[in-house]
Amino acid sequence: FGLSEKEHGADIYATDMILSPQEDGSFRA
C-alpha cells in the first residue's frame, strides 16, 4: 500500500508522487 511519504508521512493532502500524461495516452510516474 503505497500511501505515506518521507516528508509528509500519512498527510495524503500533500503527496509528491506525480503522474504525468504522455502523448500516447499513458502516464509516467
PDB file of all heavy atoms in Angstrom:
ATOM      1  N   PHE A   1       0.858  -1.189   0.000  1.00  0.00           N
ATOM      2  CA  PHE A   1       0.000   0.000   0.000  1.00  0.00           C
ATOM      3  C   PHE A   1       0.891   1.235   0.000  1.00  0.00           C
ATOM      4  O   PHE A   1       1.463   1.598   1.025  1.00  0.00           O
ATOM      5  CB  PHE A   1      -0.877  -0.047   1.258  1.00  0.00           C
ATOM      6  CG  PHE A   1      -1.930   1.016   1.360  1.00  0.00           C
ATOM      7  CD1 PHE A   1      -2.826   1.247   0.336  1.00  0.00           C
ATOM      8  CD2 PHE A   1      -2.057   1.769   2.528  1.00  0.00           C
ATOM      9  CE1 PHE A   1      -3.824   2.208   0.458  1.00  0.00           C
ATOM     10  CE2 PHE A   1      -3.042   2.721   2.670  1.00  0.00           C
ATOM     11  CZ  PHE A   1      -3.932   2.939   1.633  1.00  0.00           C
ATOM     12  N   GLY A   2       1.040   1.864  -1.151  1.00  0.00           N
ATOM     13  CA  GLY A   2       1.953   2.999  -1.297  1.00  0.00           C
ATOM     14  C   GLY A   2       1.277   4.325  -1.027  1.00  0.00           C
ATOM     15  O   GLY A   2       0.956   5.072  -1.960  1.00  0.00           O
ATOM     16  N   LEU A   3       1.103   4.637   0.246  1.00  0.00           N
ATOM     17  CA  LEU A   3       0.423   5.871   0.619  1.00  0.00           C
ATOM     18  C   LEU A   3       1.374   6.890   1.237  1.00  0.00           C
ATOM     19  O   LEU A   3       1.492   8.017   0.754  1.00  0.00           O
ATOM     20  CB  LEU A   3      -0.711   5.562   1.605  1.00  0.00           C
ATOM     21  CG  LEU A   3      -1.604   6.747   2.000  1.00  0.00           C
ATOM     22  CD1 LEU A   3      -2.400   7.234   0.805  1.00  0.00           C
ATOM     23  CD2 LEU A   3      -2.546   6.365   3.143  1.00  0.00           C
ATOM     24  N   SER A   4       2.074   6.522   2.310  1.00  0.00           N
ATOM     25  CA  SER A   4       2.848   7.507   3.064  1.00  0.00           C
ATOM     26  C   SER A   4       4.141   7.876   2.350  1.00  0.00           C
ATOM     27  O   SER A   4       4.673   7.117   1.538  1.00  0.00           O
ATOM     28  CB  SER A   4       3.147   6.985   4.472  1.00  0.00           C
ATOM     29  OG  SER A   4       3.963   5.840   4.417  1.00  0.00           O
ATOM     30  N   GLU A   5       4.645   9.070   2.685  1.00  0.00           N
ATOM     31  CA  GLU A   5       5.860   9.593   2.073  1.00  0.00           C
ATOM     32  C   GLU A   5       6.806  10.099   3.148  1.00  0.00           C
ATOM     33  O   GLU A   5       6.386  10.433   4.264  1.00  0.00           O
ATOM     34  CB  GLU A   5       5.515  10.708   1.083  1.00  0.00           C
ATOM     35  CG  GLU A   5       4.642  10.209  -0.061  1.00  0.00           C
ATOM     36  CD  GLU A   5       4.250  11.300  -1.052  1.00  0.00           C
ATOM     37  OE1 GLU A   5       4.783  12.431  -0.954  1.00  0.00           O
ATOM     38  OE2 GLU A   5       3.399  11.014  -1.924  1.00  0.00           O
ATOM     39  N   LYS A   6       8.087  10.170   2.804  1.00  0.00           N
ATOM     40  CA  LYS A   6       9.122  10.500   3.787  1.00  0.00           C
ATOM     41  C   LYS A   6       8.902  11.879   4.388  1.00  0.00           C
ATOM     42  O   LYS A   6       9.031  12.065   5.598  1.00  0.00           O
ATOM     43  CB  LYS A   6      10.497  10.410   3.133  1.00  0.00           C
ATOM     44  CG  LYS A   6      11.653  10.543   4.109  1.00  0.00           C
ATOM     45  CD  LYS A   6      12.976  10.244   3.431  1.00  0.00           C
ATOM     46  CE  LYS A   6      14.127  10.260   4.438  1.00  0.00           C
ATOM     47  NZ  LYS A   6      15.413   9.913   3.790  1.00  0.00           N
ATOM     48  N   GLU A   7       8.579  12.852   3.568  1.00  0.00           N
ATOM     49  CA  GLU A   7       8.444  14.224   4.054  1.00  0.00           C
ATOM     50  C   GLU A   7       7.067  14.508   4.632  1.00  0.00           C
ATOM     51  O   GLU A   7       6.919  15.373   5.482  1.00  0.00           O
ATOM     52  CB  GLU A   7       8.743  15.219   2.917  1.00  0.00           C
ATOM     53  CG  GLU A   7      10.140  15.078   2.336  1.00  0.00           C
ATOM     54  CD  GLU A   7      11.225  15.265   3.390  1.00  0.00           C
ATOM     55  OE1 GLU A   7      11.040  16.096   4.313  1.00  0.00           O
ATOM     56  OE2 GLU A   7      12.260  14.565   3.313  1.00  0.00           O
ATOM     57  N   HIS A   8       6.065  13.805   4.152  1.00  0.00           N
ATOM     58  CA  HIS A   8       4.691  14.131   4.533  1.00  0.00           C
ATOM     59  C   HIS A   8       4.037  13.087   5.425  1.00  0.00           C
ATOM     60  O   HIS A   8       2.925  13.321   5.914  1.00  0.00           O
ATOM     61  CB  HIS A   8       3.826  14.311   3.276  1.00  0.00           C
ATOM     62  CG  HIS A   8       4.400  15.277   2.286  1.00  0.00           C
ATOM     63  ND1 HIS A   8       4.590  16.608   2.578  1.00  0.00           N
ATOM     64  CD2 HIS A   8       4.830  15.096   1.013  1.00  0.00           C
ATOM     65  CE1 HIS A   8       5.113  17.210   1.520  1.00  0.00           C
ATOM     66  NE2 HIS A   8       5.270  16.318   0.559  1.00  0.00           N
ATOM     67  N   GLY A   9       4.695  11.950   5.623  1.00  0.00           N
ATOM     68  CA  GLY A   9       4.075  10.896   6.419  1.00  0.00           C
ATOM     69  C   GLY A   9       2.774  10.450   5.771  1.00  0.00           C
ATOM     70  O   GLY A   9       2.705  10.209   4.573  1.00  0.00           O
ATOM     71  N   ALA A  10       1.724  10.370   6.581  1.00  0.00           N
ATOM     72  CA  ALA A  10       0.415   9.962   6.067  1.00  0.00           C
ATOM     73  C   ALA A  10      -0.448  11.164   5.700  1.00  0.00           C
ATOM     74  O   ALA A  10      -1.660  11.025   5.523  1.00  0.00           O
ATOM     75  CB  ALA A  10      -0.299   9.104   7.111  1.00  0.00           C
ATOM     76  N   ASP A  11       0.165  12.338   5.557  1.00  0.00           N
ATOM     77  CA  ASP A  11      -0.568  13.537   5.127  1.00  0.00           C
ATOM     78  C   ASP A  11      -0.808  13.427   3.626  1.00  0.00           C
ATOM     79  O   ASP A  11      -0.032  13.925   2.806  1.00  0.00           O
ATOM     80  CB  ASP A  11       0.239  14.794   5.456  1.00  0.00           C
ATOM     81  CG  ASP A  11      -0.438  16.070   4.965  1.00  0.00           C
ATOM     82  OD1 ASP A  11      -1.608  15.987   4.503  1.00  0.00           O
ATOM     83  OD2 ASP A  11       0.197  17.130   5.014  1.00  0.00           O
ATOM     84  N   ILE A  12      -1.883  12.769   3.257  1.00  0.00           N
ATOM     85  CA  ILE A  12      -2.111  12.476   1.847  1.00  0.00           C
ATOM     86  C   ILE A  12      -2.573  13.705   1.065  1.00  0.00           C
ATOM     87  O   ILE A  12      -2.642  13.654  -0.164  1.00  0.00           O
ATOM     88  CB  ILE A  12      -3.106  11.305   1.672  1.00  0.00           C
ATOM     89  CG1 ILE A  12      -4.440  11.606   2.351  1.00  0.00           C
ATOM     90  CG2 ILE A  12      -2.506  10.024   2.227  1.00  0.00           C
ATOM     91  CD1 ILE A  12      -5.457  10.486   2.174  1.00  0.00           C
ATOM     92  N   TYR A  13      -2.870  14.809   1.756  1.00  0.00           N
ATOM     93  CA  TYR A  13      -3.155  16.053   1.038  1.00  0.00           C
ATOM     94  C   TYR A  13      -1.922  16.515   0.247  1.00  0.00           C
ATOM     95  O   TYR A  13      -2.039  17.179  -0.769  1.00  0.00           O
ATOM     96  CB  TYR A  13      -3.527  17.169   2.024  1.00  0.00           C
ATOM     97  CG  TYR A  13      -4.859  16.997   2.710  1.00  0.00           C
ATOM     98  CD1 TYR A  13      -4.931  16.453   3.992  1.00  0.00           C
ATOM     99  CD2 TYR A  13      -6.045  17.394   2.099  1.00  0.00           C
ATOM    100  CE1 TYR A  13      -6.151  16.305   4.642  1.00  0.00           C
ATOM    101  CE2 TYR A  13      -7.269  17.253   2.730  1.00  0.00           C
ATOM    102  CZ  TYR A  13      -7.315  16.705   4.006  1.00  0.00           C
ATOM    103  OH  TYR A  13      -8.525  16.566   4.643  1.00  0.00           O
ATOM    104  N   ALA A  14      -0.738  16.174   0.748  1.00  0.00           N
ATOM    105  CA  ALA A  14       0.496  16.792   0.252  1.00  0.00           C
ATOM    106  C   ALA A  14       1.369  15.812  -0.525  1.00  0.00           C
ATOM    107  O   ALA A  14       2.588  15.913  -0.506  1.00  0.00           O
ATOM    108  CB  ALA A  14       1.284  17.374   1.425  1.00  0.00           C
ATOM    109  N   THR A  15       0.775  14.870  -1.217  1.00  0.00           N
ATOM    110  CA  THR A  15       1.572  13.870  -1.919  1.00  0.00           C
ATOM    111  C   THR A  15       2.461  14.484  -3.004  1.00  0.00           C
ATOM    112  O   THR A  15       2.049  15.397  -3.724  1.00  0.00           O
ATOM    113  CB  THR A  15       0.666  12.794  -2.549  1.00  0.00           C
ATOM    114  OG1 THR A  15       1.483  11.855  -3.247  1.00  0.00           O
ATOM    115  CG2 THR A  15      -0.351  13.404  -3.509  1.00  0.00           C
ATOM    116  N   ASP A  16       3.671  13.969  -3.103  1.00  0.00           N
ATOM    117  CA  ASP A  16       4.616  14.400  -4.136  1.00  0.00           C
ATOM    118  C   ASP A  16       4.803  13.337  -5.220  1.00  0.00           C
ATOM    119  O   ASP A  16       5.722  13.445  -6.039  1.00  0.00           O
ATOM    120  CB  ASP A  16       5.989  14.714  -3.506  1.00  0.00           C
ATOM    121  CG  ASP A  16       5.967  16.002  -2.697  1.00  0.00           C
ATOM    122  OD1 ASP A  16       5.173  16.897  -3.037  1.00  0.00           O
ATOM    123  OD2 ASP A  16       6.738  16.084  -1.712  1.00  0.00           O
ATOM    124  N   MET A  17       3.962  12.316  -5.211  1.00  0.00           N
ATOM    125  CA  MET A  17       4.002  11.308  -6.278  1.00  0.00           C
ATOM    126  C   MET A  17       3.202  11.858  -7.468  1.00  0.00           C
ATOM    127  O   MET A  17       1.993  12.095  -7.352  1.00  0.00           O
ATOM    128  CB  MET A  17       3.409   9.995  -5.788  1.00  0.00           C
ATOM    129  CG  MET A  17       3.311   8.903  -6.831  1.00  0.00           C
ATOM    130  SD  MET A  17       4.911   8.336  -7.441  1.00  0.00           S
ATOM    131  CE  MET A  17       5.527   7.416  -6.025  1.00  0.00           C
ATOM    132  N   ILE A  18       3.891  12.074  -8.589  1.00  0.00           N
ATOM    133  CA  ILE A  18       3.288  12.771  -9.721  1.00  0.00           C
ATOM    134  C   ILE A  18       3.112  11.820 -10.908  1.00  0.00           C
ATOM    135  O   ILE A  18       4.027  11.090 -11.289  1.00  0.00           O
ATOM    136  CB  ILE A  18       4.158  13.971 -10.161  1.00  0.00           C
ATOM    137  CG1 ILE A  18       4.375  14.930  -8.977  1.00  0.00           C
ATOM    138  CG2 ILE A  18       3.511  14.690 -11.335  1.00  0.00           C
ATOM    139  CD1 ILE A  18       3.105  15.503  -8.392  1.00  0.00           C
ATOM    140  N   LEU A  19       1.921  11.854 -11.468  1.00  0.00           N
ATOM    141  CA  LEU A  19       1.608  11.080 -12.658  1.00  0.00           C
ATOM    142  C   LEU A  19       1.474  12.054 -13.837  1.00  0.00           C
ATOM    143  O   LEU A  19       0.566  12.901 -13.858  1.00  0.00           O
ATOM    144  CB  LEU A  19       0.305  10.312 -12.443  1.00  0.00           C
ATOM    145  CG  LEU A  19       0.119   8.982 -13.170  1.00  0.00           C
ATOM    146  CD1 LEU A  19       1.206   8.007 -12.757  1.00  0.00           C
ATOM    147  CD2 LEU A  19      -1.252   8.387 -12.871  1.00  0.00           C
ATOM    148  N   SER A  20       2.384  11.931 -14.790  1.00  0.00           N
ATOM    149  CA  SER A  20       2.424  12.872 -15.924  1.00  0.00           C
ATOM    150  C   SER A  20       1.856  12.216 -17.174  1.00  0.00           C
ATOM    151  O   SER A  20       2.323  11.137 -17.581  1.00  0.00           O
ATOM    152  CB  SER A  20       3.864  13.315 -16.196  1.00  0.00           C
ATOM    153  OG  SER A  20       4.442  13.883 -15.041  1.00  0.00           O
ATOM    154  N   PRO A  21       0.849  12.830 -17.830  1.00  0.00           N
ATOM    155  CA  PRO A  21       0.272  12.242 -19.050  1.00  0.00           C
ATOM    156  C   PRO A  21       1.249  12.305 -20.226  1.00  0.00           C
ATOM    157  O   PRO A  21       2.021  13.251 -20.351  1.00  0.00           O
ATOM    158  CB  PRO A  21      -0.960  13.101 -19.307  1.00  0.00           C
ATOM    159  CG  PRO A  21      -0.706  14.387 -18.597  1.00  0.00           C
ATOM    160  CD  PRO A  21       0.165  14.064 -17.431  1.00  0.00           C
ATOM    161  N   GLN A  22       1.194  11.287 -21.071  1.00  0.00           N
ATOM    162  CA  GLN A  22       2.028  11.204 -22.264  1.00  0.00           C
ATOM    163  C   GLN A  22       1.149  11.324 -23.515  1.00  0.00           C
ATOM    164  O   GLN A  22      -0.077  11.182 -23.456  1.00  0.00           O
ATOM    165  CB  GLN A  22       2.791   9.873 -22.274  1.00  0.00           C
ATOM    166  CG  GLN A  22       3.604   9.593 -21.020  1.00  0.00           C
ATOM    167  CD  GLN A  22       4.715  10.598 -20.794  1.00  0.00           C
ATOM    168  OE1 GLN A  22       5.607  10.738 -21.634  1.00  0.00           O
ATOM    169  NE2 GLN A  22       4.660  11.312 -19.670  1.00  0.00           N
ATOM    170  N   GLU A  23       1.785  11.573 -24.635  1.00  0.00           N
ATOM    171  CA  GLU A  23       1.044  11.793 -25.871  1.00  0.00           C
ATOM    172  C   GLU A  23       0.237  10.571 -26.294  1.00  0.00           C
ATOM    173  O   GLU A  23      -0.810  10.695 -26.924  1.00  0.00           O
ATOM    174  CB  GLU A  23       2.004  12.182 -26.997  1.00  0.00           C
ATOM    175  CG  GLU A  23       2.609  13.567 -26.819  1.00  0.00           C
ATOM    176  CD  GLU A  23       3.494  13.953 -27.997  1.00  0.00           C
ATOM    177  OE1 GLU A  23       3.610  13.124 -28.945  1.00  0.00           O
ATOM    178  OE2 GLU A  23       4.049  15.065 -27.979  1.00  0.00           O
ATOM    179  N   ASP A  24       0.709   9.384 -25.961  1.00  0.00           N
ATOM    180  CA  ASP A  24       0.005   8.160 -26.380  1.00  0.00           C
ATOM    181  C   ASP A  24      -1.126   7.755 -25.448  1.00  0.00           C
ATOM    182  O   ASP A  24      -1.719   6.682 -25.601  1.00  0.00           O
ATOM    183  CB  ASP A  24       0.996   7.005 -26.536  1.00  0.00           C
ATOM    184  CG  ASP A  24       1.673   6.634 -25.217  1.00  0.00           C
ATOM    185  OD1 ASP A  24       1.403   7.304 -24.192  1.00  0.00           O
ATOM    186  OD2 ASP A  24       2.462   5.663 -25.190  1.00  0.00           O
ATOM    187  N   GLY A  25      -1.409   8.605 -24.456  1.00  0.00           N
ATOM    188  CA  GLY A  25      -2.497   8.316 -23.514  1.00  0.00           C
ATOM    189  C   GLY A  25      -2.055   7.606 -22.256  1.00  0.00           C
ATOM    190  O   GLY A  25      -2.867   7.416 -21.335  1.00  0.00           O
ATOM    191  N   SER A  26      -0.797   7.213 -22.190  1.00  0.00           N
ATOM    192  CA  SER A  26      -0.268   6.592 -20.970  1.00  0.00           C
ATOM    193  C   SER A  26       0.268   7.678 -20.042  1.00  0.00           C
ATOM    194  O   SER A  26       0.104   8.878 -20.291  1.00  0.00           O
ATOM    195  CB  SER A  26       0.835   5.597 -21.331  1.00  0.00           C
ATOM    196  OG  SER A  26       1.960   6.279 -21.861  1.00  0.00           O
ATOM    197  N   PHE A  27       0.912   7.248 -18.970  1.00  0.00           N
ATOM    198  CA  PHE A  27       1.448   8.179 -17.978  1.00  0.00           C
ATOM    199  C   PHE A  27       2.856   7.754 -17.583  1.00  0.00           C
ATOM    200  O   PHE A  27       3.256   6.604 -17.804  1.00  0.00           O
ATOM    201  CB  PHE A  27       0.568   8.203 -16.726  1.00  0.00           C
ATOM    202  CG  PHE A  27      -0.865   8.589 -16.980  1.00  0.00           C
ATOM    203  CD1 PHE A  27      -1.797   7.625 -17.355  1.00  0.00           C
ATOM    204  CD2 PHE A  27      -1.276   9.902 -16.850  1.00  0.00           C
ATOM    205  CE1 PHE A  27      -3.119   7.971 -17.583  1.00  0.00           C
ATOM    206  CE2 PHE A  27      -2.601  10.254 -17.071  1.00  0.00           C
ATOM    207  CZ  PHE A  27      -3.516   9.286 -17.455  1.00  0.00           C
ATOM    208  N   ARG A  28       3.589   8.684 -16.985  1.00  0.00           N
ATOM    209  CA  ARG A  28       4.866   8.376 -16.351  1.00  0.00           C
ATOM    210  C   ARG A  28       4.772   8.799 -14.896  1.00  0.00           C
ATOM    211  O   ARG A  28       4.374   9.942 -14.602  1.00  0.00           O
ATOM    212  CB  ARG A  28       6.015   9.107 -17.047  1.00  0.00           C
ATOM    213  CG  ARG A  28       6.272   8.639 -18.467  1.00  0.00           C
ATOM    214  CD  ARG A  28       7.029   7.332 -18.496  1.00  0.00           C
ATOM    215  NE  ARG A  28       7.118   6.772 -19.860  1.00  0.00           N
ATOM    216  CZ  ARG A  28       7.858   5.737 -20.188  1.00  0.00           C
ATOM    217  NH1 ARG A  28       8.594   5.147 -19.264  1.00  0.00           N
ATOM    218  NH2 ARG A  28       7.876   5.269 -21.417  1.00  0.00           N
ATOM    219  N   ALA A  29       5.137   7.887 -13.993  1.00  0.00           N
ATOM    220  CA  ALA A  29       5.064   8.180 -12.559  1.00  0.00           C
ATOM    221  C   ALA A  29       6.456   8.484 -12.027  1.00  0.00           C
ATOM    222  O   ALA A  29       7.414   7.755 -12.315  1.00  0.00           O
ATOM    223  CB  ALA A  29       4.472   6.994 -11.809  1.00  0.00           C
TER     224      ALA A  29
END
